[in-house]
Amino acid sequence: MSELLIGATIVVAGVLVGVEFCVAVLVNPIADRLPSGGGLTFRSSAGRLLGTVMPPWYIATVVLAVVSTVLLRSSSAGVLSGVAAALFVATIVLAVTVLVPINNRVKAWSEGDHPPDWRRQVQRWDRWHLLRVLLCTAGLILLVTAALTAP
């Protein structure tokens, strides 16, 4: 049973990392090259959709990482899983304190109604999002390492 839960943790965290990586490296850079405000429209729409989907996904990842930590607590793999859980918690703190406030502004914008510095604001979001991707990736690597070294 513990192998199944640890495997589920890796899958949930892995898909989360994949989605966030694609947003950072593929989706937003492509959207920013769309002509005449298309990138702004895309980011606004994506902000509304992902702003709904991602919070439960992050919470599920943290919960599963904590469960994995409890299951592995009697070994060094438990420490690795615990650090991974802490990194995923840090991504939530980063999101709530920095990314969500920016995203809340972006999702209210339209092609005809946006501040003149909208590009600077979304670039700031992109930089912070890249940090989140790095933290999530480190958490995933630790989870996989924990699973591979578990007794």
C-alpha atoms as a PDB file:
ATOM      1  CA  MET A   1       0.000   0.000   0.000  1.00  0.00           C
ATOM      2  CA  SER A   2       2.801   2.453   0.854  1.00  0.00           C
ATOM      3  CA  GLU A   3       4.441   1.899  -2.549  1.00  0.00           C
ATOM      4  CA  LEU A   4       1.148   2.766  -4.223  1.00  0.00           C
ATOM      5  CA  LEU A   5       0.778   6.013  -2.261  1.00  0.00           C
ATOM      6  CA  ILE A   6       4.390   7.027  -2.848  1.00  0.00           C
ATOM      7  CA  GLY A   7       3.954   6.249  -6.547  1.00  0.00           C
ATOM      8  CA  ALA A   8       0.772   8.333  -6.655  1.00  0.00           C
ATOM      9  CA  THR A   9       2.652  11.184  -4.974  1.00  0.00           C
ATOM     10  CA  ILE A  10       5.334  11.058  -7.652  1.00  0.00           C
ATOM     11  CA  VAL A  11       2.772  10.987 -10.459  1.00  0.00           C
ATOM     12  CA  VAL A  12       0.738  13.905  -9.072  1.00  0.00           C
ATOM     13  CA  ALA A  13       3.869  15.966  -8.361  1.00  0.00           C
ATOM     14  CA  GLY A  14       5.426  15.000 -11.698  1.00  0.00           C
ATOM     15  CA  VAL A  15       2.448  16.100 -13.751  1.00  0.00           C
ATOM     16  CA  LEU A  16       2.288  19.329 -11.716  1.00  0.00           C
ATOM     17  CA  VAL A  17       5.955  20.016 -12.471  1.00  0.00           C
ATOM     18  CA  GLY A  18       5.370  19.219 -16.150  1.00  0.00           C
ATOM     19  CA  VAL A  19       2.463  21.641 -16.424  1.00  0.00           C
ATOM     20  CA  GLU A  20       4.283  24.425 -14.603  1.00  0.00           C
ATOM     21  CA  PHE A  21       7.422  23.856 -16.689  1.00  0.00           C
ATOM     22  CA  CYS A  22       5.398  24.046 -19.918  1.00  0.00           C
ATOM     23  CA  VAL A  23       3.743  27.276 -18.794  1.00  0.00           C
ATOM     24  CA  ALA A  24       7.144  28.809 -18.019  1.00  0.00           C
ATOM     25  CA  VAL A  25       9.118  27.587 -21.018  1.00  0.00           C
ATOM     26  CA  LEU A  26       6.563  27.117 -23.798  1.00  0.00           C
ATOM     27  CA  VAL A  27       3.101  28.527 -23.270  1.00  0.00           C
ATOM     28  CA  ASN A  28       3.745  32.030 -21.927  1.00  0.00           C
ATOM     29  CA  PRO A  29       6.659  32.794 -24.289  1.00  0.00           C
ATOM     30  CA  ILE A  30       4.491  31.740 -27.248  1.00  0.00           C
ATOM     31  CA  ALA A  31       1.523  33.768 -25.953  1.00  0.00           C
ATOM     32  CA  ASP A  32       3.754  36.825 -25.610  1.00  0.00           C
ATOM     33  CA  ARG A  33       4.540  36.672 -29.338  1.00  0.00           C
ATOM     34  CA  LEU A  34       0.880  36.775 -30.377  1.00  0.00           C
ATOM     35  CA  PRO A  35      -0.026  39.926 -32.307  1.00  0.00           C
ATOM     36  CA  SER A  36      -2.165  42.861 -31.154  1.00  0.00           C
ATOM     37  CA  GLY A  37      -2.910  42.005 -27.549  1.00  0.00           C
ATOM     38  CA  GLY A  38      -3.464  38.294 -28.143  1.00  0.00           C
ATOM     39  CA  GLY A  39      -0.941  37.460 -25.438  1.00  0.00           C
ATOM     40  CA  LEU A  40      -2.762  39.649 -22.946  1.00  0.00           C
ATOM     41  CA  THR A  41      -6.090  38.018 -23.805  1.00  0.00           C
ATOM     42  CA  PHE A  42      -4.517  34.575 -23.514  1.00  0.00           C
ATOM     43  CA  ARG A  43      -2.873  35.315 -20.156  1.00  0.00           C
ATOM     44  CA  SER A  44      -6.114  36.713 -18.775  1.00  0.00           C
ATOM     45  CA  SER A  45      -8.072  33.625 -19.830  1.00  0.00           C
ATOM     46  CA  ALA A  46      -5.363  31.216 -18.694  1.00  0.00           C
ATOM     47  CA  GLY A  47      -5.140  33.030 -15.359  1.00  0.00           C
ATOM     48  CA  ARG A  48      -8.821  32.422 -14.719  1.00  0.00           C
ATOM     49  CA  LEU A  49      -8.661  28.724 -15.665  1.00  0.00           C
ATOM     50  CA  LEU A  50      -5.362  27.827 -14.011  1.00  0.00           C
ATOM     51  CA  GLY A  51      -6.190  29.978 -10.993  1.00  0.00           C
ATOM     52  CA  THR A  52      -9.084  27.592 -10.381  1.00  0.00           C
ATOM     53  CA  VAL A  53      -7.357  24.292 -11.174  1.00  0.00           C
ATOM     54  CA  MET A  54      -3.913  24.726  -9.638  1.00  0.00           C
ATOM     55  CA  PRO A  55      -4.680  25.419  -5.936  1.00  0.00           C
ATOM     56  CA  PRO A  56      -6.321  22.022  -5.275  1.00  0.00           C
ATOM     57  CA  TRP A  57      -3.548  20.353  -7.257  1.00  0.00           C
ATOM     58  CA  TYR A  58      -0.851  21.985  -5.124  1.00  0.00           C
ATOM     59  CA  ILE A  59      -2.711  21.086  -1.934  1.00  0.00           C
ATOM     60  CA  ALA A  60      -3.056  17.468  -3.092  1.00  0.00           C
ATOM     61  CA  THR A  61       0.668  17.370  -3.832  1.00  0.00           C
ATOM     62  CA  VAL A  62       1.512  18.648  -0.343  1.00  0.00           C
ATOM     63  CA  VAL A  63      -0.893  16.219   1.329  1.00  0.00           C
ATOM     64  CA  LEU A  64       0.499  13.266  -0.617  1.00  0.00           C
ATOM     65  CA  ALA A  65       4.088  14.340   0.111  1.00  0.00           C
ATOM     66  CA  VAL A  66       3.282  14.557   3.827  1.00  0.00           C
ATOM     67  CA  VAL A  67       1.635  11.103   3.730  1.00  0.00           C
ATOM     68  CA  SER A  68       4.734   9.748   1.962  1.00  0.00           C
ATOM     69  CA  THR A  69       6.895  11.331   4.651  1.00  0.00           C
ATOM     70  CA  VAL A  70       4.878   9.628   7.373  1.00  0.00           C
ATOM     71  CA  LEU A  71       5.091   6.287   5.557  1.00  0.00           C
ATOM     72  CA  LEU A  72       8.862   6.633   5.167  1.00  0.00           C
ATOM     73  CA  ARG A  73       9.527   8.240   8.550  1.00  0.00           C
ATOM     74  CA  SER A  74      11.741   5.441   9.859  1.00  0.00           C
ATOM     75  CA  SER A  75      14.355   5.890   7.135  1.00  0.00           C
ATOM     76  CA  SER A  76      16.477   8.547   5.450  1.00  0.00           C
ATOM     77  CA  ALA A  77      13.946   8.435   2.618  1.00  0.00           C
ATOM     78  CA  GLY A  78      11.482  10.010   5.051  1.00  0.00           C
ATOM     79  CA  VAL A  79      13.797  12.986   5.478  1.00  0.00           C
ATOM     80  CA  LEU A  80      14.012  13.429   1.700  1.00  0.00           C
ATOM     81  CA  SER A  81      10.244  13.225   1.397  1.00  0.00           C
ATOM     82  CA  GLY A  82       9.847  15.703   4.253  1.00  0.00           C
ATOM     83  CA  VAL A  83      12.128  18.216   2.559  1.00  0.00           C
ATOM     84  CA  ALA A  84      10.155  17.705  -0.664  1.00  0.00           C
ATOM     85  CA  ALA A  85       6.916  18.415   1.219  1.00  0.00           C
ATOM     86  CA  ALA A  86       8.489  21.575   2.660  1.00  0.00           C
ATOM     87  CA  LEU A  87       9.495  22.716  -0.837  1.00  0.00           C
ATOM     88  CA  PHE A  88       5.938  22.219  -2.083  1.00  0.00           C
ATOM     89  CA  VAL A  89       4.649  24.208   0.896  1.00  0.00           C
ATOM     90  CA  ALA A  90       7.148  26.941  -0.011  1.00  0.00           C
ATOM     91  CA  THR A  91       5.692  27.052  -3.532  1.00  0.00           C
ATOM     92  CA  ILE A  92       2.242  27.617  -2.080  1.00  0.00           C
ATOM     93  CA  VAL A  93       3.549  30.431   0.131  1.00  0.00           C
ATOM     94  CA  LEU A  94       5.274  31.966  -2.904  1.00  0.00           C
ATOM     95  CA  ALA A  95       2.090  31.682  -4.933  1.00  0.00           C
ATOM     96  CA  VAL A  96      -0.161  33.216  -2.289  1.00  0.00           C
ATOM     97  CA  THR A  97       2.176  36.077  -1.415  1.00  0.00           C
ATOM     98  CA  VAL A  98       3.540  37.018  -4.856  1.00  0.00           C
ATOM     99  CA  LEU A  99       2.004  35.193  -7.822  1.00  0.00           C
ATOM    100  CA  VAL A 100      -1.697  35.247  -6.950  1.00  0.00           C
ATOM    101  CA  PRO A 101      -1.859  39.038  -6.442  1.00  0.00           C
ATOM    102  CA  ILE A 102      -0.280  39.576  -9.873  1.00  0.00           C
ATOM    103  CA  ASN A 103      -2.489  36.910 -11.441  1.00  0.00           C
ATOM    104  CA  ASN A 104      -5.611  38.473  -9.943  1.00  0.00           C
ATOM    105  CA  ARG A 105      -4.779  41.720 -11.729  1.00  0.00           C
ATOM    106  CA  VAL A 106      -3.920  39.999 -15.018  1.00  0.00           C
ATOM    107  CA  LYS A 107      -7.105  37.966 -15.203  1.00  0.00           C
ATOM    108  CA  ALA A 108      -9.177  41.159 -14.927  1.00  0.00           C
ATOM    109  CA  TRP A 109      -7.465  42.769 -17.924  1.00  0.00           C
ATOM    110  CA  SER A 110      -8.648  42.804 -21.518  1.00  0.00           C
ATOM    111  CA  GLU A 111      -7.202  44.064 -24.782  1.00  0.00           C
ATOM    112  CA  GLY A 112      -9.112  47.324 -24.355  1.00  0.00           C
ATOM    113  CA  ASP A 113      -8.666  47.707 -20.598  1.00  0.00           C
ATOM    114  CA  HIS A 114      -5.190  47.149 -19.158  1.00  0.00           C
ATOM    115  CA  PRO A 115      -2.456  49.224 -17.556  1.00  0.00           C
ATOM    116  CA  PRO A 116       0.326  50.595 -19.741  1.00  0.00           C
ATOM    117  CA  ASP A 117       2.943  48.547 -17.853  1.00  0.00           C
ATOM    118  CA  TRP A 118       1.126  45.217 -18.261  1.00  0.00           C
ATOM    119  CA  ARG A 119       4.132  43.598 -19.942  1.00  0.00           C
ATOM    120  CA  ARG A 120       6.390  44.504 -17.025  1.00  0.00           C
ATOM    121  CA  GLN A 121       3.877  43.008 -14.598  1.00  0.00           C
ATOM    122  CA  VAL A 122       3.556  39.708 -16.469  1.00  0.00           C
ATOM    123  CA  GLN A 123       7.347  39.533 -16.829  1.00  0.00           C
ATOM    124  CA  ARG A 124       7.593  39.872 -13.055  1.00  0.00           C
ATOM    125  CA  TRP A 125       5.081  37.029 -12.700  1.00  0.00           C
ATOM    126  CA  ASP A 126       7.153  34.956 -15.140  1.00  0.00           C
ATOM    127  CA  ARG A 127      10.341  35.440 -13.106  1.00  0.00           C
ATOM    128  CA  TRP A 128       8.669  34.416  -9.852  1.00  0.00           C
ATOM    129  CA  HIS A 129       6.957  31.526 -11.616  1.00  0.00           C
ATOM    130  CA  LEU A 130      10.350  30.252 -12.771  1.00  0.00           C
ATOM    131  CA  LEU A 131      11.439  30.126  -9.118  1.00  0.00           C
ATOM    132  CA  ARG A 132       8.293  28.138  -8.349  1.00  0.00           C
ATOM    133  CA  VAL A 133       9.127  25.704 -11.160  1.00  0.00           C
ATOM    134  CA  LEU A 134      12.626  25.229  -9.747  1.00  0.00           C
ATOM    135  CA  LEU A 135      11.290  24.585  -6.236  1.00  0.00           C
ATOM    136  CA  CYS A 136       8.709  22.104  -7.554  1.00  0.00           C
ATOM    137  CA  THR A 137      11.344  20.337  -9.645  1.00  0.00           C
ATOM    138  CA  ALA A 138      13.628  20.010  -6.633  1.00  0.00           C
ATOM    139  CA  GLY A 139      10.690  18.600  -4.639  1.00  0.00           C
ATOM    140  CA  LEU A 140       9.961  16.056  -7.357  1.00  0.00           C
ATOM    141  CA  ILE A 141      13.616  14.989  -7.538  1.00  0.00           C
ATOM    142  CA  LEU A 142      13.631  14.491  -3.764  1.00  0.00           C
ATOM    143  CA  LEU A 143      10.421  12.442  -3.913  1.00  0.00           C
ATOM    144  CA  VAL A 144      11.837  10.189  -6.611  1.00  0.00           C
ATOM    145  CA  THR A 145      15.094   9.824  -4.687  1.00  0.00           C
ATOM    146  CA  ALA A 146      13.142   8.973  -1.538  1.00  0.00           C
ATOM    147  CA  ALA A 147      11.159   6.324  -3.386  1.00  0.00           C
ATOM    148  CA  LEU A 148      14.324   4.802  -4.875  1.00  0.00           C
ATOM    149  CA  THR A 149      16.149   4.710  -1.537  1.00  0.00           C
ATOM    150  CA  ALA A 150      13.215   3.585   0.614  1.00  0.00           C
ATOM    151  CA  PRO A 151      13.758   0.287   2.414  1.00  0.00           C
END
